[in-house]
Amino acid sequence: MTKRDWRMASAPSLAEIDTIAREAFAALPARFRRLAGDVVVIVQEFADDDVVREMELESPFEIMGLYHGVDVGHRGDESGTLPSHVFLYRRPMLDYWAEHEETLGHLVRHVLVHEIGHHLGLSDEEMEAIEAEADQ
């Protein structure tokens, strides 16, 4: 492995986190991607103030991702339903990454799978199995 020169490195941008998320999603099992359907992934610096307030968080650093929408099990056939969204929050993920022995790619994938898993109504064990399958 080549040693990286960190002196000129900068933190990944929103666009770079988005690229990591798209690559992570593409590497997930095909059946999981099909089930995720029309979910839209949005990368932001932090959760909106309304989200922080509604979730009664002390800091926006307490949340790395959020699913927003109607989960698959409760979605009806109504026309005009907007797609569900998964928000990935760059700064909280970078903060967590800096404090833990985990690659940024693994962390982004984990948050993405967890939030889409909420959309699909999956258990933590099922989400772990999807991540393990993606590692193979």
C-alpha atoms as a PDB file:
ATOM      1  CA  MET A   1       0.000   0.000   0.000  1.00  0.00           C
ATOM      2  CA  THR A   2       1.310   3.409  -0.969  1.00  0.00           C
ATOM      3  CA  LYS A   3       1.703   5.862   1.864  1.00  0.00           C
ATOM      4  CA  ARG A   4      -0.613   8.840   1.381  1.00  0.00           C
ATOM      5  CA  ASP A   5       0.724  12.373   1.745  1.00  0.00           C
ATOM      6  CA  TRP A   6      -1.902  13.912   4.034  1.00  0.00           C
ATOM      7  CA  ARG A   7      -0.287  17.370   4.058  1.00  0.00           C
ATOM      8  CA  MET A   8      -2.251  18.462   0.980  1.00  0.00           C
ATOM      9  CA  ALA A   9      -5.368  16.375   1.557  1.00  0.00           C
ATOM     10  CA  SER A  10      -8.738  17.948   2.221  1.00  0.00           C
ATOM     11  CA  ALA A  11     -11.932  16.474   3.612  1.00  0.00           C
ATOM     12  CA  PRO A  12     -14.213  14.866   1.027  1.00  0.00           C
ATOM     13  CA  SER A  13     -16.748  17.290  -0.426  1.00  0.00           C
ATOM     14  CA  LEU A  14     -20.503  16.796  -0.679  1.00  0.00           C
ATOM     15  CA  ALA A  15     -19.999  15.662  -4.285  1.00  0.00           C
ATOM     16  CA  GLU A  16     -17.324  13.163  -3.243  1.00  0.00           C
ATOM     17  CA  ILE A  17     -19.540  11.710  -0.501  1.00  0.00           C
ATOM     18  CA  ASP A  18     -22.321  11.486  -3.095  1.00  0.00           C
ATOM     19  CA  THR A  19     -19.961   9.556  -5.399  1.00  0.00           C
ATOM     20  CA  ILE A  20     -18.996   7.206  -2.561  1.00  0.00           C
ATOM     21  CA  ALA A  21     -22.703   6.633  -1.814  1.00  0.00           C
ATOM     22  CA  ARG A  22     -23.551   5.939  -5.469  1.00  0.00           C
ATOM     23  CA  GLU A  23     -20.656   3.490  -5.796  1.00  0.00           C
ATOM     24  CA  ALA A  24     -21.663   1.820  -2.527  1.00  0.00           C
ATOM     25  CA  PHE A  25     -25.264   1.503  -3.703  1.00  0.00           C
ATOM     26  CA  ALA A  26     -24.145   0.017  -7.043  1.00  0.00           C
ATOM     27  CA  ALA A  27     -22.120  -2.640  -5.168  1.00  0.00           C
ATOM     28  CA  LEU A  28     -25.058  -3.775  -3.015  1.00  0.00           C
ATOM     29  CA  PRO A  29     -26.925  -6.969  -3.883  1.00  0.00           C
ATOM     30  CA  ALA A  30     -29.192  -6.530  -6.931  1.00  0.00           C
ATOM     31  CA  ARG A  31     -32.322  -7.634  -5.074  1.00  0.00           C
ATOM     32  CA  PHE A  32     -31.717  -4.940  -2.424  1.00  0.00           C
ATOM     33  CA  ARG A  33     -31.268  -2.266  -5.104  1.00  0.00           C
ATOM     34  CA  ARG A  34     -34.492  -3.379  -6.830  1.00  0.00           C
ATOM     35  CA  LEU A  35     -36.411  -3.242  -3.552  1.00  0.00           C
ATOM     36  CA  ALA A  36     -35.038   0.245  -2.823  1.00  0.00           C
ATOM     37  CA  GLY A  37     -36.798   1.368  -5.986  1.00  0.00           C
ATOM     38  CA  ASP A  38     -37.180   5.101  -6.459  1.00  0.00           C
ATOM     39  CA  VAL A  39     -35.574   6.208  -3.190  1.00  0.00           C
ATOM     40  CA  VAL A  40     -33.599   9.434  -3.721  1.00  0.00           C
ATOM     41  CA  VAL A  41     -30.249   9.898  -1.934  1.00  0.00           C
ATOM     42  CA  ILE A  42     -29.353  13.452  -0.935  1.00  0.00           C
ATOM     43  CA  VAL A  43     -26.061  14.441   0.699  1.00  0.00           C
ATOM     44  CA  GLN A  44     -26.095  17.520   2.942  1.00  0.00           C
ATOM     45  CA  GLU A  45     -23.646  19.029   5.413  1.00  0.00           C
ATOM     46  CA  PHE A  46     -26.011  18.562   8.383  1.00  0.00           C
ATOM     47  CA  ALA A  47     -29.619  17.731   9.138  1.00  0.00           C
ATOM     48  CA  ASP A  48     -31.928  20.731   8.875  1.00  0.00           C
ATOM     49  CA  ASP A  49     -32.685  22.638  12.083  1.00  0.00           C
ATOM     50  CA  ASP A  50     -36.259  21.301  11.958  1.00  0.00           C
ATOM     51  CA  VAL A  51     -34.987  17.699  12.000  1.00  0.00           C
ATOM     52  CA  VAL A  52     -32.649  18.407  14.920  1.00  0.00           C
ATOM     53  CA  ARG A  53     -35.483  20.033  16.846  1.00  0.00           C
ATOM     54  CA  GLU A  54     -38.097  17.350  16.010  1.00  0.00           C
ATOM     55  CA  MET A  55     -35.725  14.539  16.987  1.00  0.00           C
ATOM     56  CA  GLU A  56     -34.757  16.449  20.140  1.00  0.00           C
ATOM     57  CA  LEU A  57     -31.039  16.184  19.362  1.00  0.00           C
ATOM     58  CA  GLU A  58     -28.531  18.212  21.316  1.00  0.00           C
ATOM     59  CA  SER A  59     -26.351  18.640  18.237  1.00  0.00           C
ATOM     60  CA  PRO A  60     -26.619  18.073  14.487  1.00  0.00           C
ATOM     61  CA  PHE A  61     -23.523  15.860  14.859  1.00  0.00           C
ATOM     62  CA  GLU A  62     -25.760  13.220  16.495  1.00  0.00           C
ATOM     63  CA  ILE A  63     -27.310  12.096  13.202  1.00  0.00           C
ATOM     64  CA  MET A  64     -25.444  10.720  10.168  1.00  0.00           C
ATOM     65  CA  GLY A  65     -28.438   9.819   8.032  1.00  0.00           C
ATOM     66  CA  LEU A  66     -32.201   9.946   7.884  1.00  0.00           C
ATOM     67  CA  TYR A  67     -34.934   8.210   5.931  1.00  0.00           C
ATOM     68  CA  HIS A  68     -37.856  10.452   5.031  1.00  0.00           C
ATOM     69  CA  GLY A  69     -40.942   9.063   3.376  1.00  0.00           C
ATOM     70  CA  VAL A  70     -43.479   6.293   3.539  1.00  0.00           C
ATOM     71  CA  ASP A  71     -41.958   2.860   4.019  1.00  0.00           C
ATOM     72  CA  VAL A  72     -42.746   0.217   1.426  1.00  0.00           C
ATOM     73  CA  GLY A  73     -45.132  -1.686   3.700  1.00  0.00           C
ATOM     74  CA  HIS A  74     -47.342   1.378   4.149  1.00  0.00           C
ATOM     75  CA  ARG A  75     -47.190   2.862   0.674  1.00  0.00           C
ATOM     76  CA  GLY A  76     -50.449   2.620  -1.224  1.00  0.00           C
ATOM     77  CA  ASP A  77     -51.297   2.977  -4.875  1.00  0.00           C
ATOM     78  CA  GLU A  78     -52.079   6.683  -4.625  1.00  0.00           C
ATOM     79  CA  SER A  79     -50.895   8.701  -7.579  1.00  0.00           C
ATOM     80  CA  GLY A  80     -48.800  11.757  -6.908  1.00  0.00           C
ATOM     81  CA  THR A  81     -46.834  10.180  -4.059  1.00  0.00           C
ATOM     82  CA  LEU A  82     -43.355  11.682  -3.923  1.00  0.00           C
ATOM     83  CA  PRO A  83     -40.399   9.319  -3.763  1.00  0.00           C
ATOM     84  CA  SER A  84     -38.827   8.590  -0.407  1.00  0.00           C
ATOM     85  CA  HIS A  85     -35.526  10.258   0.446  1.00  0.00           C
ATOM     86  CA  VAL A  86     -32.416   9.136   2.257  1.00  0.00           C
ATOM     87  CA  PHE A  87     -30.368  12.004   3.610  1.00  0.00           C
ATOM     88  CA  LEU A  88     -26.675  11.448   4.308  1.00  0.00           C
ATOM     89  CA  TYR A  89     -25.047  14.079   6.498  1.00  0.00           C
ATOM     90  CA  ARG A  90     -21.441  14.749   5.538  1.00  0.00           C
ATOM     91  CA  ARG A  91     -20.052  16.504   8.621  1.00  0.00           C
ATOM     92  CA  PRO A  92     -21.406  14.037  11.210  1.00  0.00           C
ATOM     93  CA  MET A  93     -20.099  11.140   9.103  1.00  0.00           C
ATOM     94  CA  LEU A  94     -16.666  12.759   8.808  1.00  0.00           C
ATOM     95  CA  ASP A  95     -16.636  13.404  12.554  1.00  0.00           C
ATOM     96  CA  TYR A  96     -17.504   9.754  13.285  1.00  0.00           C
ATOM     97  CA  TRP A  97     -14.938   8.577  10.714  1.00  0.00           C
ATOM     98  CA  ALA A  98     -12.201  10.628  12.385  1.00  0.00           C
ATOM     99  CA  GLU A  99     -12.910   8.972  15.744  1.00  0.00           C
ATOM    100  CA  HIS A 100     -13.238   5.324  14.658  1.00  0.00           C
ATOM    101  CA  GLU A 101     -11.236   2.609  12.949  1.00  0.00           C
ATOM    102  CA  GLU A 102     -13.502   2.377   9.915  1.00  0.00           C
ATOM    103  CA  THR A 103     -13.024   3.366   6.292  1.00  0.00           C
ATOM    104  CA  LEU A 104     -15.130   6.223   4.991  1.00  0.00           C
ATOM    105  CA  GLY A 105     -16.506   4.004   2.223  1.00  0.00           C
ATOM    106  CA  HIS A 106     -17.647   1.411   4.752  1.00  0.00           C
ATOM    107  CA  LEU A 107     -19.269   4.074   6.923  1.00  0.00           C
ATOM    108  CA  VAL A 108     -21.148   5.711   4.033  1.00  0.00           C
ATOM    109  CA  ARG A 109     -22.373   2.301   2.860  1.00  0.00           C
ATOM    110  CA  HIS A 110     -23.449   1.376   6.393  1.00  0.00           C
ATOM    111  CA  VAL A 111     -25.512   4.552   6.837  1.00  0.00           C
ATOM    112  CA  LEU A 112     -26.984   4.189   3.344  1.00  0.00           C
ATOM    113  CA  VAL A 113     -28.005   0.555   3.918  1.00  0.00           C
ATOM    114  CA  HIS A 114     -29.408   1.386   7.351  1.00  0.00           C
ATOM    115  CA  GLU A 115     -31.564   4.224   6.049  1.00  0.00           C
ATOM    116  CA  ILE A 116     -32.785   2.308   2.982  1.00  0.00           C
ATOM    117  CA  GLY A 117     -33.397  -0.627   5.323  1.00  0.00           C
ATOM    118  CA  HIS A 118     -35.874   1.560   7.215  1.00  0.00           C
ATOM    119  CA  HIS A 119     -37.603   2.203   3.888  1.00  0.00           C
ATOM    120  CA  LEU A 120     -37.879  -1.538   3.355  1.00  0.00           C
ATOM    121  CA  GLY A 121     -38.793  -2.385   6.951  1.00  0.00           C
ATOM    122  CA  LEU A 122     -35.689  -4.575   7.423  1.00  0.00           C
ATOM    123  CA  SER A 123     -34.294  -5.675  10.778  1.00  0.00           C
ATOM    124  CA  ASP A 124     -30.747  -4.812  11.876  1.00  0.00           C
ATOM    125  CA  GLU A 125     -29.757  -8.436  11.251  1.00  0.00           C
ATOM    126  CA  GLU A 126     -31.084  -8.299   7.679  1.00  0.00           C
ATOM    127  CA  MET A 127     -29.189  -5.067   7.036  1.00  0.00           C
ATOM    128  CA  GLU A 128     -25.980  -6.607   8.408  1.00  0.00           C
ATOM    129  CA  ALA A 129     -26.449  -9.572   6.058  1.00  0.00           C
ATOM    130  CA  ILE A 130     -26.806  -7.218   3.076  1.00  0.00           C
ATOM    131  CA  GLU A 131     -23.584  -5.437   4.025  1.00  0.00           C
ATOM    132  CA  ALA A 132     -21.793  -8.763   4.489  1.00  0.00           C
ATOM    133  CA  GLU A 133     -22.976  -9.901   1.064  1.00  0.00           C
ATOM    134  CA  ALA A 134     -21.665  -6.666  -0.466  1.00  0.00           C
ATOM    135  CA  ASP A 135     -18.250  -7.369   1.108  1.00  0.00           C
ATOM    136  CA  GLN A 136     -17.941 -10.673  -0.775  1.00  0.00           C
END
